Amino acid sequence: MHRKITAAAAGAGLAMLSALATAGSAEAHGYTTSPTSRQAFCAQGAVSDCGEIVWEPQSVEGPKGFPSAGPADGAICSGGNSRFSQLDDPRGGAWPATDVSAGQSISFTWTFTASHSTSDFRYYLTNDSYDPSQPLTRADLEPEPFLTVSMDGAQPGETETHTGTLPAGKSGRHLVLAVWDIADTGNAFYACSDVQF
């Protein structure tokens, strides 16, 4: 009798652990791979001293509501996640950058390891007072995204590509902040891509 009760309790415990593991794996994860984001450069090994982001480029998740809410200034590229604070380090303005041209049509590609119901994707560009040797703040960004793609709750596939036009009149070193807003959670995913006009 004692063995039967112990076996039943163990079975119930395993079922509960299995349910919890399944619930956790349903979370969304994704990051921009084109233009190459800081976390993608780290995962590719193109940049060293990246910490845990090397194994989890898809996990830069933080509170949504940007720019009125979301991660604090200086911690935007990491989504406010201290595990990935290396992404906020400007490295003296020496992150690898993608060459772009003002007024150019550009495609942004996201790679997803888990999909989720999506509100929208928004893309912000730094303003002309941006200093690439300093951590990113809201004051460094143009007030409105230059590209917004509404998903109305749809789930992206394994990849998602959005095409927009970069603002005219830009020159020098800048940064694109991509924000993926999840529809049914309080979170968003963040990706910073350094660009050179």
N, C-alpha and C. Protein backbone atom coordinates (compact mmCIF):
# COMPACT_ATOMS: atom_id res chain seq x y z
N MET A 1 0.83 -1.19 0.00
CA MET A 1 0.00 0.00 0.00
C MET A 1 0.87 1.26 0.00
N HIS A 2 1.93 1.24 0.84
CA HIS A 2 2.82 2.39 0.93
C HIS A 2 3.50 2.66 -0.41
N ARG A 3 3.88 1.57 -1.13
CA ARG A 3 4.52 1.71 -2.43
C ARG A 3 3.56 2.33 -3.46
N LYS A 4 2.29 1.94 -3.41
CA LYS A 4 1.30 2.47 -4.36
C LYS A 4 1.09 3.96 -4.14
N ILE A 5 1.02 4.39 -2.90
CA ILE A 5 0.82 5.82 -2.59
C ILE A 5 2.05 6.61 -3.04
N THR A 6 3.24 6.08 -2.75
CA THR A 6 4.47 6.76 -3.15
C THR A 6 4.55 6.88 -4.66
N ALA A 7 4.21 5.82 -5.38
CA ALA A 7 4.25 5.83 -6.84
C ALA A 7 3.23 6.82 -7.40
N ALA A 8 2.03 6.88 -6.80
CA ALA A 8 1.01 7.82 -7.25
C ALA A 8 1.46 9.26 -7.03
N ALA A 9 2.06 9.53 -5.88
CA ALA A 9 2.54 10.88 -5.58
C ALA A 9 3.66 11.28 -6.53
N ALA A 10 4.56 10.35 -6.81
CA ALA A 10 5.66 10.63 -7.74
C ALA A 10 5.11 10.91 -9.14
N GLY A 11 4.12 10.13 -9.56
CA GLY A 11 3.51 10.33 -10.88
C GLY A 11 2.84 11.69 -10.98
N ALA A 12 2.15 12.10 -9.92
CA ALA A 12 1.49 13.40 -9.91
C ALA A 12 2.52 14.52 -9.96
N GLY A 13 3.62 14.33 -9.24
CA GLY A 13 4.69 15.33 -9.25
C GLY A 13 5.31 15.48 -10.63
N LEU A 14 5.55 14.35 -11.31
CA LEU A 14 6.11 14.40 -12.66
C LEU A 14 5.15 15.06 -13.63
N ALA A 15 3.86 14.78 -13.48
CA ALA A 15 2.87 15.40 -14.35
C ALA A 15 2.86 16.92 -14.16
N MET A 16 2.97 17.36 -12.90
CA MET A 16 2.99 18.79 -12.61
C MET A 16 4.24 19.44 -13.20
N LEU A 17 5.40 18.80 -13.03
CA LEU A 17 6.64 19.34 -13.60
C LEU A 17 6.57 19.41 -15.12
N SER A 18 5.98 18.39 -15.73
CA SER A 18 5.83 18.37 -17.18
C SER A 18 4.94 19.52 -17.65
N ALA A 19 3.85 19.76 -16.94
CA ALA A 19 2.94 20.85 -17.29
C ALA A 19 3.64 22.20 -17.17
N LEU A 20 4.43 22.37 -16.11
CA LEU A 20 5.15 23.63 -15.92
C LEU A 20 6.20 23.82 -17.00
N ALA A 21 6.90 22.77 -17.37
CA ALA A 21 7.92 22.87 -18.41
C ALA A 21 7.29 23.23 -19.75
N THR A 22 6.15 22.63 -20.06
CA THR A 22 5.45 22.93 -21.30
C THR A 22 4.98 24.37 -21.32
N ALA A 23 4.45 24.87 -20.21
CA ALA A 23 3.98 26.25 -20.15
C ALA A 23 5.13 27.21 -20.38
N GLY A 24 6.31 26.93 -19.83
CA GLY A 24 7.44 27.82 -19.98
C GLY A 24 7.97 27.86 -21.40
N SER A 25 7.89 26.77 -22.13
CA SER A 25 8.45 26.72 -23.47
C SER A 25 7.58 27.41 -24.49
N ALA A 26 6.39 27.87 -24.11
CA ALA A 26 5.51 28.54 -25.05
C ALA A 26 5.84 30.02 -25.18
N GLU A 27 6.82 30.51 -24.42
CA GLU A 27 7.18 31.91 -24.49
C GLU A 27 7.78 32.23 -25.85
N ALA A 28 7.56 33.47 -26.30
CA ALA A 28 8.10 33.92 -27.57
C ALA A 28 9.55 34.34 -27.42
N HIS A 29 10.32 34.17 -28.48
CA HIS A 29 11.70 34.62 -28.50
C HIS A 29 12.09 34.97 -29.93
N GLY A 30 12.84 36.06 -30.08
CA GLY A 30 13.29 36.43 -31.41
C GLY A 30 14.25 37.61 -31.37
N TYR A 31 14.96 37.81 -32.49
CA TYR A 31 15.92 38.91 -32.59
C TYR A 31 16.15 39.24 -34.05
N THR A 32 16.67 40.44 -34.31
CA THR A 32 16.93 40.85 -35.69
C THR A 32 18.28 40.30 -36.16
N THR A 33 18.26 39.77 -37.36
CA THR A 33 19.48 39.24 -37.96
C THR A 33 19.93 40.07 -39.16
N SER A 34 19.07 40.97 -39.64
CA SER A 34 19.44 41.86 -40.74
C SER A 34 18.65 43.16 -40.62
N PRO A 35 19.32 44.33 -40.54
CA PRO A 35 20.76 44.44 -40.36
C PRO A 35 21.18 43.78 -39.05
N THR A 36 22.39 43.30 -39.01
CA THR A 36 22.84 42.48 -37.89
C THR A 36 22.75 43.24 -36.57
N SER A 37 22.06 42.65 -35.60
CA SER A 37 21.92 43.26 -34.28
C SER A 37 23.13 42.94 -33.42
N ARG A 38 23.26 43.67 -32.33
CA ARG A 38 24.36 43.42 -31.40
C ARG A 38 24.33 41.99 -30.89
N GLN A 39 23.11 41.49 -30.54
CA GLN A 39 23.06 40.12 -30.02
C GLN A 39 23.39 39.10 -31.09
N ALA A 40 23.08 39.40 -32.36
CA ALA A 40 23.45 38.48 -33.44
C ALA A 40 24.96 38.46 -33.64
N PHE A 41 25.61 39.63 -33.60
CA PHE A 41 27.07 39.67 -33.69
C PHE A 41 27.70 38.85 -32.58
N CYS A 42 27.14 38.96 -31.37
CA CYS A 42 27.68 38.19 -30.24
C CYS A 42 27.51 36.69 -30.47
N ALA A 43 26.32 36.28 -30.91
CA ALA A 43 26.05 34.86 -31.13
C ALA A 43 26.92 34.29 -32.24
N GLN A 44 27.27 35.11 -33.24
CA GLN A 44 28.12 34.67 -34.35
C GLN A 44 29.59 34.60 -33.95
N GLY A 45 29.93 35.18 -32.79
CA GLY A 45 31.32 35.20 -32.38
C GLY A 45 32.11 36.34 -33.00
N ALA A 46 31.43 37.27 -33.68
CA ALA A 46 32.10 38.41 -34.31
C ALA A 46 32.54 39.45 -33.28
N VAL A 47 31.95 39.40 -32.08
CA VAL A 47 32.27 40.30 -30.99
C VAL A 47 32.54 39.45 -29.76
N SER A 48 33.55 39.80 -28.98
CA SER A 48 33.89 39.03 -27.78
C SER A 48 33.37 39.71 -26.52
N ASP A 49 33.52 39.04 -25.39
CA ASP A 49 33.10 39.57 -24.08
C ASP A 49 31.62 39.95 -24.06
N CYS A 50 30.79 39.05 -24.56
CA CYS A 50 29.35 39.30 -24.65
C CYS A 50 28.55 38.69 -23.51
N GLY A 51 29.14 37.82 -22.73
CA GLY A 51 28.40 37.18 -21.64
C GLY A 51 27.38 36.18 -22.16
N GLU A 52 26.27 36.05 -21.42
CA GLU A 52 25.26 35.02 -21.70
C GLU A 52 24.52 35.19 -23.01
N ILE A 53 24.53 36.40 -23.58
CA ILE A 53 23.77 36.63 -24.81
C ILE A 53 24.29 35.76 -25.96
N VAL A 54 25.54 35.30 -25.85
CA VAL A 54 26.12 34.42 -26.88
C VAL A 54 25.22 33.21 -27.12
N TRP A 55 24.64 32.67 -26.04
CA TRP A 55 23.80 31.47 -26.14
C TRP A 55 22.32 31.81 -26.25
N GLU A 56 21.94 33.05 -26.00
CA GLU A 56 20.52 33.42 -25.99
C GLU A 56 20.24 34.72 -26.73
N PRO A 57 20.64 34.85 -28.00
CA PRO A 57 20.41 36.12 -28.70
C PRO A 57 18.92 36.45 -28.84
N GLN A 58 18.08 35.43 -28.74
CA GLN A 58 16.64 35.59 -28.91
C GLN A 58 15.93 36.03 -27.63
N SER A 59 16.66 36.20 -26.52
CA SER A 59 16.01 36.38 -25.22
C SER A 59 16.06 37.79 -24.65
N VAL A 60 16.27 38.81 -25.49
CA VAL A 60 16.32 40.19 -24.98
C VAL A 60 14.89 40.70 -24.82
N GLU A 61 14.28 40.27 -23.72
CA GLU A 61 12.88 40.54 -23.42
C GLU A 61 12.79 41.49 -22.24
N GLY A 62 11.92 42.47 -22.36
CA GLY A 62 11.71 43.42 -21.28
C GLY A 62 10.30 43.95 -21.31
N PRO A 63 9.97 44.88 -20.41
CA PRO A 63 8.61 45.42 -20.38
C PRO A 63 8.28 46.18 -21.66
N LYS A 64 7.03 46.05 -22.10
CA LYS A 64 6.64 46.79 -23.30
C LYS A 64 6.11 48.17 -22.93
N GLY A 65 5.69 48.93 -23.94
CA GLY A 65 5.19 50.28 -23.72
C GLY A 65 6.18 51.35 -24.13
N PHE A 66 7.27 50.94 -24.80
CA PHE A 66 8.29 51.89 -25.21
C PHE A 66 7.70 52.90 -26.20
N PRO A 67 8.02 54.20 -26.08
CA PRO A 67 9.02 54.81 -25.23
C PRO A 67 8.51 55.34 -23.88
N SER A 68 7.17 55.38 -23.69
CA SER A 68 6.67 55.94 -22.41
C SER A 68 6.95 55.01 -21.24
N ALA A 69 7.11 53.73 -21.52
CA ALA A 69 7.46 52.74 -20.49
C ALA A 69 8.60 51.90 -21.06
N GLY A 70 8.76 50.68 -20.55
CA GLY A 70 9.81 49.82 -21.06
C GLY A 70 11.10 49.98 -20.30
N PRO A 71 12.21 49.47 -20.86
CA PRO A 71 13.49 49.50 -20.15
C PRO A 71 13.97 50.94 -19.90
N ALA A 72 14.75 51.10 -18.85
CA ALA A 72 15.28 52.41 -18.48
C ALA A 72 16.32 52.89 -19.49
N ASP A 73 16.49 54.21 -19.56
CA ASP A 73 17.56 54.77 -20.38
C ASP A 73 18.89 54.15 -19.96
N GLY A 74 19.72 53.88 -20.93
CA GLY A 74 21.01 53.26 -20.67
C GLY A 74 20.95 51.75 -20.62
N ALA A 75 19.72 51.19 -20.59
CA ALA A 75 19.54 49.73 -20.56
C ALA A 75 18.55 49.28 -21.64
N ILE A 76 18.41 50.08 -22.69
CA ILE A 76 17.42 49.80 -23.73
C ILE A 76 17.84 48.62 -24.61
N CYS A 77 19.11 48.58 -25.00
CA CYS A 77 19.56 47.51 -25.91
C CYS A 77 19.48 46.14 -25.25
N SER A 78 19.55 46.08 -23.92
CA SER A 78 19.43 44.81 -23.21
C SER A 78 17.99 44.53 -22.80
N GLY A 79 17.06 45.41 -23.15
CA GLY A 79 15.67 45.25 -22.73
C GLY A 79 15.51 45.41 -21.22
N GLY A 80 16.51 46.03 -20.57
CA GLY A 80 16.47 46.18 -19.12
C GLY A 80 16.84 44.91 -18.38
N ASN A 81 17.35 43.92 -19.12
CA ASN A 81 17.71 42.63 -18.54
C ASN A 81 19.19 42.65 -18.18
N SER A 82 19.49 42.68 -16.89
CA SER A 82 20.89 42.81 -16.44
C SER A 82 21.77 41.64 -16.90
N ARG A 83 21.18 40.49 -17.21
CA ARG A 83 21.97 39.35 -17.71
C ARG A 83 22.65 39.68 -19.04
N PHE A 84 22.06 40.65 -19.77
CA PHE A 84 22.56 40.98 -21.10
C PHE A 84 23.09 42.41 -21.17
N SER A 85 23.58 42.92 -20.05
CA SER A 85 24.01 44.32 -19.98
C SER A 85 25.15 44.65 -20.94
N GLN A 86 25.87 43.64 -21.42
CA GLN A 86 26.95 43.88 -22.38
C GLN A 86 26.41 44.55 -23.65
N LEU A 87 25.13 44.33 -23.97
CA LEU A 87 24.53 44.95 -25.16
C LEU A 87 24.38 46.45 -25.01
N ASP A 88 24.34 46.94 -23.77
CA ASP A 88 24.20 48.38 -23.52
C ASP A 88 25.55 49.10 -23.54
N ASP A 89 26.64 48.34 -23.43
CA ASP A 89 27.97 48.91 -23.44
C ASP A 89 28.27 49.41 -24.85
N PRO A 90 28.47 50.72 -25.05
CA PRO A 90 28.70 51.23 -26.40
C PRO A 90 30.05 50.84 -26.99
N ARG A 91 30.94 50.27 -26.15
CA ARG A 91 32.27 49.84 -26.59
C ARG A 91 33.00 50.96 -27.32
N GLY A 92 32.81 52.18 -26.81
CA GLY A 92 33.49 53.34 -27.41
C GLY A 92 33.04 53.63 -28.83
N GLY A 93 31.84 53.16 -29.19
CA GLY A 93 31.35 53.35 -30.55
C GLY A 93 31.92 52.37 -31.54
N ALA A 94 32.47 51.25 -31.03
CA ALA A 94 33.18 50.30 -31.90
C ALA A 94 32.41 49.03 -32.23
N TRP A 95 31.08 48.98 -31.97
CA TRP A 95 30.32 47.81 -32.41
C TRP A 95 30.40 47.73 -33.93
N PRO A 96 30.43 46.53 -34.51
CA PRO A 96 30.36 46.43 -35.97
C PRO A 96 29.08 47.10 -36.47
N ALA A 97 29.18 47.77 -37.61
CA ALA A 97 28.03 48.50 -38.15
C ALA A 97 27.75 48.08 -39.58
N THR A 98 26.48 48.12 -39.95
CA THR A 98 26.04 47.82 -41.31
C THR A 98 26.04 49.12 -42.10
N ASP A 99 26.62 49.12 -43.29
CA ASP A 99 26.62 50.30 -44.15
C ASP A 99 25.24 50.50 -44.77
N VAL A 100 24.72 51.72 -44.64
CA VAL A 100 23.42 52.08 -45.19
C VAL A 100 23.53 53.46 -45.82
N SER A 101 22.48 53.86 -46.55
CA SER A 101 22.43 55.20 -47.16
C SER A 101 21.14 55.89 -46.76
N ALA A 102 21.20 57.19 -46.56
CA ALA A 102 20.01 57.98 -46.24
C ALA A 102 19.00 57.85 -47.38
N GLY A 103 17.73 57.69 -47.02
CA GLY A 103 16.68 57.55 -48.01
C GLY A 103 16.61 56.18 -48.66
N GLN A 104 17.45 55.26 -48.23
CA GLN A 104 17.52 53.91 -48.81
C GLN A 104 16.37 53.04 -48.31
N SER A 105 15.89 52.18 -49.19
CA SER A 105 14.95 51.13 -48.78
C SER A 105 15.76 50.05 -48.08
N ILE A 106 15.28 49.61 -46.93
CA ILE A 106 16.02 48.63 -46.14
C ILE A 106 15.06 47.57 -45.61
N SER A 107 15.55 46.33 -45.55
CA SER A 107 14.74 45.23 -45.02
C SER A 107 15.26 44.82 -43.66
N PHE A 108 14.35 44.61 -42.74
CA PHE A 108 14.67 44.15 -41.40
C PHE A 108 14.15 42.72 -41.27
N THR A 109 15.03 41.80 -40.91
CA THR A 109 14.64 40.41 -40.77
C THR A 109 14.78 39.97 -39.32
N TRP A 110 13.71 39.38 -38.81
CA TRP A 110 13.69 38.80 -37.47
C TRP A 110 13.78 37.29 -37.60
N THR A 111 14.49 36.65 -36.71
CA THR A 111 14.54 35.20 -36.60
C THR A 111 13.89 34.83 -35.27
N PHE A 112 12.95 33.90 -35.30
CA PHE A 112 12.20 33.51 -34.11
C PHE A 112 12.50 32.07 -33.72
N THR A 113 12.68 31.85 -32.43
CA THR A 113 12.81 30.49 -31.93
C THR A 113 11.50 30.02 -31.33
N ALA A 114 10.59 30.95 -31.07
CA ALA A 114 9.23 30.64 -30.61
C ALA A 114 8.35 31.80 -31.01
N SER A 115 7.21 31.51 -31.58
CA SER A 115 6.32 32.54 -32.07
C SER A 115 5.34 32.98 -30.99
N HIS A 116 4.70 34.13 -31.20
CA HIS A 116 3.74 34.62 -30.23
C HIS A 116 2.79 35.60 -30.91
N SER A 117 1.60 35.71 -30.39
CA SER A 117 0.65 36.70 -30.86
C SER A 117 1.29 38.09 -30.76
N THR A 118 1.25 38.86 -31.85
CA THR A 118 2.02 40.09 -31.95
C THR A 118 1.13 41.30 -32.18
N SER A 119 1.43 42.38 -31.44
CA SER A 119 0.75 43.66 -31.69
C SER A 119 1.39 44.36 -32.89
N ASP A 120 2.70 44.62 -32.77
CA ASP A 120 3.39 45.29 -33.88
C ASP A 120 4.90 45.20 -33.72
N PHE A 121 5.57 45.62 -34.76
CA PHE A 121 7.01 45.80 -34.78
C PHE A 121 7.24 47.28 -35.06
N ARG A 122 8.16 47.91 -34.30
CA ARG A 122 8.46 49.32 -34.51
C ARG A 122 9.97 49.52 -34.60
N TYR A 123 10.37 50.45 -35.47
CA TYR A 123 11.78 50.70 -35.73
C TYR A 123 12.08 52.19 -35.53
N TYR A 124 13.00 52.46 -34.61
CA TYR A 124 13.41 53.82 -34.29
C TYR A 124 14.84 54.04 -34.75
N LEU A 125 15.16 55.28 -35.13
CA LEU A 125 16.51 55.64 -35.52
C LEU A 125 17.00 56.76 -34.61
N THR A 126 18.28 56.75 -34.32
CA THR A 126 18.84 57.81 -33.49
C THR A 126 18.81 59.15 -34.22
N ASN A 127 18.77 60.22 -33.42
CA ASN A 127 18.75 61.57 -33.98
C ASN A 127 20.18 62.07 -34.21
N ASP A 128 20.28 63.31 -34.69
CA ASP A 128 21.59 63.83 -35.07
C ASP A 128 22.48 64.19 -33.88
N SER A 129 21.94 64.20 -32.66
CA SER A 129 22.77 64.47 -31.49
C SER A 129 23.28 63.19 -30.82
N TYR A 130 22.96 62.04 -31.40
CA TYR A 130 23.37 60.75 -30.85
C TYR A 130 24.89 60.64 -30.78
N ASP A 131 25.37 60.17 -29.63
CA ASP A 131 26.79 59.94 -29.41
C ASP A 131 27.00 58.43 -29.30
N PRO A 132 27.58 57.77 -30.32
CA PRO A 132 27.73 56.31 -30.29
C PRO A 132 28.66 55.79 -29.20
N SER A 133 29.36 56.68 -28.51
CA SER A 133 30.25 56.23 -27.44
C SER A 133 29.54 56.19 -26.09
N GLN A 134 28.23 56.51 -26.07
CA GLN A 134 27.44 56.53 -24.84
C GLN A 134 26.30 55.52 -24.93
N PRO A 135 25.83 54.95 -23.79
CA PRO A 135 24.67 54.05 -23.81
C PRO A 135 23.43 54.76 -24.36
N LEU A 136 22.58 54.01 -25.04
CA LEU A 136 21.39 54.56 -25.69
C LEU A 136 20.37 55.05 -24.67
N THR A 137 19.82 56.26 -24.92
CA THR A 137 18.72 56.81 -24.12
C THR A 137 17.59 57.23 -25.05
N ARG A 138 16.44 57.50 -24.49
CA ARG A 138 15.30 57.95 -25.28
C ARG A 138 15.60 59.28 -25.98
N ALA A 139 16.37 60.14 -25.31
CA ALA A 139 16.72 61.44 -25.90
C ALA A 139 17.58 61.29 -27.14
N ASP A 140 18.20 60.13 -27.33
CA ASP A 140 19.03 59.87 -28.52
C ASP A 140 18.21 59.49 -29.74
N LEU A 141 16.93 59.17 -29.55
CA LEU A 141 16.11 58.64 -30.64
C LEU A 141 15.18 59.70 -31.22
N GLU A 142 14.91 59.57 -32.52
CA GLU A 142 13.85 60.39 -33.13
C GLU A 142 12.55 60.08 -32.38
N PRO A 143 11.65 61.07 -32.23
CA PRO A 143 10.47 60.85 -31.40
C PRO A 143 9.48 59.80 -31.90
N GLU A 144 9.48 59.54 -33.19
CA GLU A 144 8.55 58.56 -33.77
C GLU A 144 9.32 57.49 -34.53
N PRO A 145 8.78 56.26 -34.55
CA PRO A 145 9.43 55.22 -35.36
C PRO A 145 9.34 55.58 -36.84
N PHE A 146 10.37 55.24 -37.61
CA PHE A 146 10.31 55.50 -39.05
C PHE A 146 9.60 54.38 -39.78
N LEU A 147 9.35 53.26 -39.08
CA LEU A 147 8.61 52.14 -39.67
C LEU A 147 7.84 51.43 -38.56
N THR A 148 6.54 51.21 -38.80
CA THR A 148 5.70 50.43 -37.89
C THR A 148 4.96 49.40 -38.72
N VAL A 149 5.00 48.15 -38.27
CA VAL A 149 4.30 47.06 -38.95
C VAL A 149 3.32 46.46 -37.97
N SER A 150 2.02 46.66 -38.22
CA SER A 150 0.97 46.13 -37.34
C SER A 150 0.68 44.68 -37.69
N MET A 151 0.51 43.86 -36.66
CA MET A 151 0.22 42.43 -36.86
C MET A 151 -1.18 42.05 -36.38
N ASP A 152 -1.83 42.93 -35.63
CA ASP A 152 -3.21 42.69 -35.15
C ASP A 152 -3.39 41.32 -34.48
N GLY A 153 -2.39 40.90 -33.72
CA GLY A 153 -2.50 39.65 -32.97
C GLY A 153 -2.03 38.41 -33.71
N ALA A 154 -1.65 38.55 -34.98
CA ALA A 154 -1.17 37.39 -35.74
C ALA A 154 0.19 36.93 -35.20
N GLN A 155 0.53 35.69 -35.47
CA GLN A 155 1.82 35.14 -35.07
C GLN A 155 2.76 35.09 -36.26
N PRO A 156 3.99 35.59 -36.10
CA PRO A 156 4.95 35.47 -37.20
C PRO A 156 5.39 34.03 -37.37
N GLY A 157 5.99 33.73 -38.52
CA GLY A 157 6.54 32.39 -38.76
C GLY A 157 7.92 32.29 -38.16
N GLU A 158 8.78 31.46 -38.74
CA GLU A 158 10.15 31.30 -38.23
C GLU A 158 10.98 32.54 -38.49
N THR A 159 10.66 33.26 -39.57
CA THR A 159 11.30 34.54 -39.86
C THR A 159 10.23 35.53 -40.29
N GLU A 160 10.57 36.79 -40.19
CA GLU A 160 9.65 37.87 -40.58
C GLU A 160 10.52 38.99 -41.13
N THR A 161 10.16 39.50 -42.31
CA THR A 161 10.92 40.58 -42.92
C THR A 161 10.02 41.77 -43.17
N HIS A 162 10.49 42.95 -42.79
CA HIS A 162 9.76 44.20 -42.99
C HIS A 162 10.65 45.15 -43.78
N THR A 163 10.07 45.85 -44.75
CA THR A 163 10.84 46.77 -45.57
C THR A 163 10.33 48.19 -45.36
N GLY A 164 11.27 49.10 -45.16
CA GLY A 164 10.94 50.50 -44.98
C GLY A 164 12.02 51.37 -45.59
N THR A 165 11.84 52.68 -45.48
CA THR A 165 12.79 53.63 -46.03
C THR A 165 13.45 54.40 -44.90
N LEU A 166 14.78 54.40 -44.90
CA LEU A 166 15.51 55.17 -43.89
C LEU A 166 15.33 56.66 -44.15
N PRO A 167 15.28 57.46 -43.10
CA PRO A 167 15.09 58.90 -43.28
C PRO A 167 16.21 59.53 -44.12
N ALA A 168 15.85 60.56 -44.87
CA ALA A 168 16.83 61.31 -45.66
C ALA A 168 17.63 62.22 -44.73
N GLY A 169 18.77 62.67 -45.22
CA GLY A 169 19.56 63.67 -44.50
C GLY A 169 20.40 63.13 -43.36
N LYS A 170 20.52 61.83 -43.23
CA LYS A 170 21.33 61.25 -42.15
C LYS A 170 22.75 61.00 -42.64
N SER A 171 23.71 61.14 -41.74
CA SER A 171 25.09 60.81 -42.05
C SER A 171 25.79 60.33 -40.79
N GLY A 172 26.90 59.62 -40.97
CA GLY A 172 27.68 59.17 -39.83
C GLY A 172 27.13 57.93 -39.16
N ARG A 173 27.53 57.76 -37.92
CA ARG A 173 27.19 56.55 -37.13
C ARG A 173 25.84 56.74 -36.45
N HIS A 174 24.96 55.74 -36.57
CA HIS A 174 23.65 55.77 -35.93
C HIS A 174 23.30 54.38 -35.42
N LEU A 175 22.14 54.28 -34.80
CA LEU A 175 21.66 53.01 -34.26
C LEU A 175 20.17 52.87 -34.56
N VAL A 176 19.78 51.68 -34.97
CA VAL A 176 18.36 51.35 -35.16
C VAL A 176 17.91 50.50 -33.98
N LEU A 177 16.85 50.93 -33.32
CA LEU A 177 16.24 50.16 -32.25
C LEU A 177 14.98 49.51 -32.80
N ALA A 178 14.94 48.17 -32.78
CA ALA A 178 13.77 47.41 -33.21
C ALA A 178 13.04 46.91 -31.97
N VAL A 179 11.72 47.10 -31.94
CA VAL A 179 10.90 46.69 -30.81
C VAL A 179 9.78 45.79 -31.31
N TRP A 180 9.69 44.58 -30.75
CA TRP A 180 8.65 43.61 -31.10
C TRP A 180 7.69 43.53 -29.91
N ASP A 181 6.48 44.08 -30.07
CA ASP A 181 5.49 44.09 -28.99
C ASP A 181 4.63 42.84 -29.03
N ILE A 182 4.63 42.10 -27.94
CA ILE A 182 3.81 40.89 -27.82
C ILE A 182 2.39 41.31 -27.44
N ALA A 183 1.40 40.69 -28.08
CA ALA A 183 0.00 41.11 -27.88
C ALA A 183 -0.58 40.64 -26.55
N ASP A 184 -0.22 39.44 -26.10
CA ASP A 184 -0.92 38.87 -24.95
C ASP A 184 -0.05 38.72 -23.71
N THR A 185 1.05 39.47 -23.64
CA THR A 185 1.84 39.54 -22.41
C THR A 185 2.21 41.01 -22.19
N GLY A 186 2.83 41.30 -21.07
CA GLY A 186 3.27 42.67 -20.77
C GLY A 186 4.67 42.96 -21.28
N ASN A 187 5.19 42.11 -22.17
CA ASN A 187 6.58 42.23 -22.59
C ASN A 187 6.75 42.54 -24.07
N ALA A 188 7.97 42.94 -24.39
CA ALA A 188 8.40 43.19 -25.76
C ALA A 188 9.83 42.67 -25.89
N PHE A 189 10.29 42.51 -27.12
CA PHE A 189 11.67 42.13 -27.39
C PHE A 189 12.37 43.31 -28.06
N TYR A 190 13.64 43.49 -27.70
CA TYR A 190 14.41 44.64 -28.16
C TYR A 190 15.66 44.18 -28.89
N ALA A 191 16.04 44.92 -29.94
CA ALA A 191 17.27 44.62 -30.67
C ALA A 191 17.86 45.93 -31.19
N CYS A 192 19.15 46.12 -30.93
CA CYS A 192 19.87 47.30 -31.41
C CYS A 192 20.81 46.90 -32.53
N SER A 193 20.72 47.63 -33.65
CA SER A 193 21.61 47.40 -34.79
C SER A 193 22.36 48.69 -35.08
N ASP A 194 23.68 48.63 -35.04
CA ASP A 194 24.50 49.79 -35.36
C ASP A 194 24.61 49.92 -36.88
N VAL A 195 24.48 51.15 -37.36
CA VAL A 195 24.55 51.40 -38.81
C VAL A 195 25.47 52.58 -39.07
N GLN A 196 26.05 52.59 -40.26
CA GLN A 196 26.93 53.68 -40.71
C GLN A 196 26.39 54.24 -42.00
N PHE A 197 25.94 55.49 -41.96
CA PHE A 197 25.45 56.16 -43.18
C PHE A 197 26.64 56.69 -43.95
